[in-house]
Amino acid sequence: MYVVTDLFTTLEQKLELVLSQIGSLKEANAALQKSLGEKEQALKHAEAELAKVSREREMVRERIDKILNRLKIIDTGESA
């Protein structure tokens, strides 16, 4: 009879251990999900900033091209 009782005790202990590990894993998973969400938000923000900087850079490039074209016209007009 002791053998059966010992087996049940061992089984119960192992079950408690597994349930405890499941709880820990669920908590770790929730923390990882939260971290992932924060990282995704940061990535979206960084992508938006990059797009903004790219647009600004293109505008600056266009303005510089216009200025250079004006200077070429002036230079060409003076040398003609």
N, C-alpha and C. Protein backbone atom coordinates (compact mmCIF):
# COMPACT_ATOMS: atom_id res chain seq x y z
N MET A 1 0.82 -1.19 0.00
CA MET A 1 0.00 0.00 0.00
C MET A 1 0.86 1.26 0.00
N TYR A 2 2.01 1.18 0.66
CA TYR A 2 2.90 2.33 0.71
C TYR A 2 3.44 2.68 -0.67
N VAL A 3 3.66 1.67 -1.48
CA VAL A 3 4.21 1.88 -2.82
C VAL A 3 3.23 2.71 -3.66
N VAL A 4 1.95 2.39 -3.59
CA VAL A 4 0.94 3.12 -4.36
C VAL A 4 0.83 4.54 -3.84
N THR A 5 0.85 4.71 -2.54
CA THR A 5 0.78 6.04 -1.94
C THR A 5 2.00 6.86 -2.32
N ASP A 6 3.17 6.24 -2.29
CA ASP A 6 4.40 6.94 -2.69
C ASP A 6 4.35 7.35 -4.16
N LEU A 7 3.78 6.48 -4.98
CA LEU A 7 3.67 6.81 -6.41
C LEU A 7 2.75 8.01 -6.62
N PHE A 8 1.63 8.01 -5.89
CA PHE A 8 0.72 9.14 -6.02
C PHE A 8 1.36 10.43 -5.49
N THR A 9 2.10 10.33 -4.41
CA THR A 9 2.79 11.49 -3.86
C THR A 9 3.80 12.03 -4.88
N THR A 10 4.56 11.13 -5.47
CA THR A 10 5.55 11.52 -6.47
C THR A 10 4.85 12.15 -7.67
N LEU A 11 3.75 11.54 -8.10
CA LEU A 11 2.99 12.07 -9.24
C LEU A 11 2.46 13.47 -8.92
N GLU A 12 1.92 13.65 -7.74
CA GLU A 12 1.40 14.96 -7.34
C GLU A 12 2.51 16.01 -7.30
N GLN A 13 3.68 15.62 -6.80
CA GLN A 13 4.80 16.56 -6.75
C GLN A 13 5.23 16.97 -8.15
N LYS A 14 5.31 15.99 -9.03
CA LYS A 14 5.70 16.28 -10.41
C LYS A 14 4.66 17.15 -11.10
N LEU A 15 3.39 16.87 -10.83
CA LEU A 15 2.32 17.68 -11.40
C LEU A 15 2.41 19.12 -10.91
N GLU A 16 2.65 19.31 -9.63
CA GLU A 16 2.81 20.65 -9.08
C GLU A 16 3.99 21.37 -9.72
N LEU A 17 5.07 20.65 -9.94
CA LEU A 17 6.25 21.23 -10.58
C LEU A 17 5.92 21.67 -12.02
N VAL A 18 5.23 20.81 -12.75
CA VAL A 18 4.85 21.13 -14.13
C VAL A 18 3.91 22.33 -14.15
N LEU A 19 2.94 22.35 -13.27
CA LEU A 19 2.00 23.48 -13.21
C LEU A 19 2.73 24.77 -12.86
N SER A 20 3.68 24.69 -11.96
CA SER A 20 4.47 25.86 -11.60
C SER A 20 5.28 26.36 -12.79
N GLN A 21 5.86 25.43 -13.53
CA GLN A 21 6.64 25.80 -14.71
C GLN A 21 5.75 26.42 -15.78
N ILE A 22 4.56 25.90 -15.94
CA ILE A 22 3.61 26.46 -16.91
C ILE A 22 3.28 27.90 -16.53
N GLY A 23 3.03 28.12 -15.24
CA GLY A 23 2.75 29.47 -14.78
C GLY A 23 3.91 30.42 -15.05
N SER A 24 5.11 29.97 -14.78
CA SER A 24 6.30 30.79 -15.04
C SER A 24 6.45 31.08 -16.53
N LEU A 25 6.21 30.07 -17.34
CA LEU A 25 6.32 30.25 -18.79
C LEU A 25 5.26 31.22 -19.32
N LYS A 26 4.07 31.16 -18.76
CA LYS A 26 3.02 32.09 -19.17
C LYS A 26 3.41 33.52 -18.82
N GLU A 27 3.98 33.71 -17.63
CA GLU A 27 4.43 35.05 -17.23
C GLU A 27 5.55 35.54 -18.14
N ALA A 28 6.49 34.66 -18.45
CA ALA A 28 7.60 35.03 -19.33
C ALA A 28 7.07 35.37 -20.72
N ASN A 29 6.11 34.58 -21.19
CA ASN A 29 5.52 34.83 -22.50
C ASN A 29 4.81 36.19 -22.52
N ALA A 30 4.07 36.51 -21.48
CA ALA A 30 3.39 37.80 -21.41
C ALA A 30 4.39 38.95 -21.42
N ALA A 31 5.48 38.78 -20.68
CA ALA A 31 6.52 39.83 -20.67
C ALA A 31 7.15 39.98 -22.05
N LEU A 32 7.39 38.87 -22.72
CA LEU A 32 7.96 38.93 -24.07
C LEU A 32 7.00 39.57 -25.07
N GLN A 33 5.72 39.26 -24.93
CA GLN A 33 4.72 39.86 -25.81
C GLN A 33 4.67 41.38 -25.61
N LYS A 34 4.74 41.80 -24.36
CA LYS A 34 4.74 43.23 -24.06
C LYS A 34 5.97 43.89 -24.65
N SER A 35 7.12 43.28 -24.47
CA SER A 35 8.37 43.81 -25.01
C SER A 35 8.31 43.88 -26.53
N LEU A 36 7.76 42.85 -27.15
CA LEU A 36 7.62 42.83 -28.60
C LEU A 36 6.73 43.98 -29.07
N GLY A 37 5.64 44.19 -28.38
CA GLY A 37 4.74 45.29 -28.73
C GLY A 37 5.45 46.64 -28.64
N GLU A 38 6.23 46.82 -27.58
CA GLU A 38 6.97 48.07 -27.42
C GLU A 38 8.00 48.24 -28.54
N LYS A 39 8.67 47.16 -28.88
CA LYS A 39 9.68 47.22 -29.96
C LYS A 39 9.01 47.51 -31.30
N GLU A 40 7.84 46.93 -31.54
CA GLU A 40 7.13 47.19 -32.79
C GLU A 40 6.72 48.65 -32.87
N GLN A 41 6.27 49.22 -31.75
CA GLN A 41 5.92 50.64 -31.72
C GLN A 41 7.14 51.50 -31.99
N ALA A 42 8.26 51.15 -31.37
CA ALA A 42 9.50 51.91 -31.58
C ALA A 42 9.93 51.81 -33.04
N LEU A 43 9.77 50.64 -33.64
CA LEU A 43 10.12 50.46 -35.05
C LEU A 43 9.24 51.32 -35.94
N LYS A 44 7.94 51.35 -35.67
CA LYS A 44 7.03 52.19 -36.46
C LYS A 44 7.43 53.65 -36.35
N HIS A 45 7.77 54.07 -35.15
CA HIS A 45 8.19 55.46 -34.94
C HIS A 45 9.47 55.75 -35.72
N ALA A 46 10.43 54.84 -35.65
CA ALA A 46 11.70 55.02 -36.36
C ALA A 46 11.47 55.05 -37.88
N GLU A 47 10.59 54.20 -38.37
CA GLU A 47 10.29 54.19 -39.80
C GLU A 47 9.64 55.51 -40.24
N ALA A 48 8.75 56.03 -39.40
CA ALA A 48 8.12 57.31 -39.71
C ALA A 48 9.15 58.43 -39.72
N GLU A 49 10.04 58.42 -38.76
CA GLU A 49 11.11 59.42 -38.72
C GLU A 49 12.01 59.31 -39.93
N LEU A 50 12.35 58.11 -40.32
CA LEU A 50 13.19 57.89 -41.50
C LEU A 50 12.51 58.42 -42.75
N ALA A 51 11.22 58.15 -42.89
CA ALA A 51 10.48 58.66 -44.04
C ALA A 51 10.47 60.18 -44.05
N LYS A 52 10.29 60.79 -42.89
CA LYS A 52 10.29 62.25 -42.78
C LYS A 52 11.65 62.81 -43.18
N VAL A 53 12.71 62.22 -42.67
CA VAL A 53 14.05 62.69 -43.00
C VAL A 53 14.33 62.50 -44.49
N SER A 54 13.88 61.41 -45.04
CA SER A 54 14.08 61.17 -46.48
C SER A 54 13.36 62.22 -47.32
N ARG A 55 12.13 62.56 -46.93
CA ARG A 55 11.39 63.60 -47.66
C ARG A 55 12.12 64.94 -47.54
N GLU A 56 12.57 65.27 -46.33
CA GLU A 56 13.28 66.53 -46.13
C GLU A 56 14.57 66.55 -46.95
N ARG A 57 15.28 65.46 -46.99
CA ARG A 57 16.52 65.39 -47.76
C ARG A 57 16.24 65.60 -49.25
N GLU A 58 15.17 65.00 -49.73
CA GLU A 58 14.81 65.16 -51.13
C GLU A 58 14.44 66.62 -51.43
N MET A 59 13.74 67.27 -50.52
CA MET A 59 13.40 68.68 -50.71
C MET A 59 14.66 69.53 -50.74
N VAL A 60 15.59 69.26 -49.86
CA VAL A 60 16.85 70.01 -49.84
C VAL A 60 17.62 69.78 -51.13
N ARG A 61 17.64 68.54 -51.58
CA ARG A 61 18.34 68.21 -52.84
C ARG A 61 17.73 69.00 -54.01
N GLU A 62 16.41 69.04 -54.05
CA GLU A 62 15.74 69.78 -55.13
C GLU A 62 16.07 71.26 -55.07
N ARG A 63 16.08 71.83 -53.87
CA ARG A 63 16.40 73.25 -53.73
C ARG A 63 17.84 73.53 -54.14
N ILE A 64 18.74 72.64 -53.76
CA ILE A 64 20.15 72.80 -54.15
C ILE A 64 20.29 72.72 -55.67
N ASP A 65 19.58 71.77 -56.27
CA ASP A 65 19.61 71.66 -57.74
C ASP A 65 19.12 72.94 -58.40
N LYS A 66 18.04 73.53 -57.88
CA LYS A 66 17.52 74.78 -58.43
C LYS A 66 18.55 75.89 -58.31
N ILE A 67 19.18 75.97 -57.14
CA ILE A 67 20.20 77.01 -56.91
C ILE A 67 21.36 76.81 -57.87
N LEU A 68 21.81 75.56 -58.02
CA LEU A 68 22.92 75.28 -58.93
C LEU A 68 22.56 75.61 -60.37
N ASN A 69 21.33 75.31 -60.77
CA ASN A 69 20.88 75.64 -62.13
C ASN A 69 20.87 77.15 -62.33
N ARG A 70 20.42 77.91 -61.33
CA ARG A 70 20.45 79.37 -61.43
C ARG A 70 21.88 79.87 -61.59
N LEU A 71 22.78 79.27 -60.79
CA LEU A 71 24.18 79.68 -60.88
C LEU A 71 24.76 79.36 -62.26
N LYS A 72 24.37 78.23 -62.83
CA LYS A 72 24.84 77.88 -64.18
C LYS A 72 24.33 78.89 -65.20
N ILE A 73 23.07 79.29 -65.04
CA ILE A 73 22.49 80.27 -65.97
C ILE A 73 23.25 81.58 -65.86
N ILE A 74 23.53 82.00 -64.62
CA ILE A 74 24.27 83.25 -64.41
C ILE A 74 25.65 83.13 -64.99
N ASP A 75 26.32 81.98 -64.70
CA ASP A 75 27.68 81.77 -65.19
C ASP A 75 27.70 81.72 -66.71
N THR A 76 26.73 81.05 -67.29
CA THR A 76 26.65 80.93 -68.75
C THR A 76 26.35 82.30 -69.36
N GLY A 77 25.51 83.05 -68.73
CA GLY A 77 25.15 84.38 -69.23
C GLY A 77 26.35 85.33 -69.19
N GLU A 78 27.19 85.22 -68.17
CA GLU A 78 28.34 86.12 -68.05
C GLU A 78 29.45 85.74 -69.02
N SER A 79 29.60 84.46 -69.29
CA SER A 79 30.69 84.05 -70.15
C SER A 79 30.33 84.16 -71.63
N ALA A 80 29.06 84.37 -71.93
CA ALA A 80 28.63 84.45 -73.34
C ALA A 80 28.88 85.81 -73.93
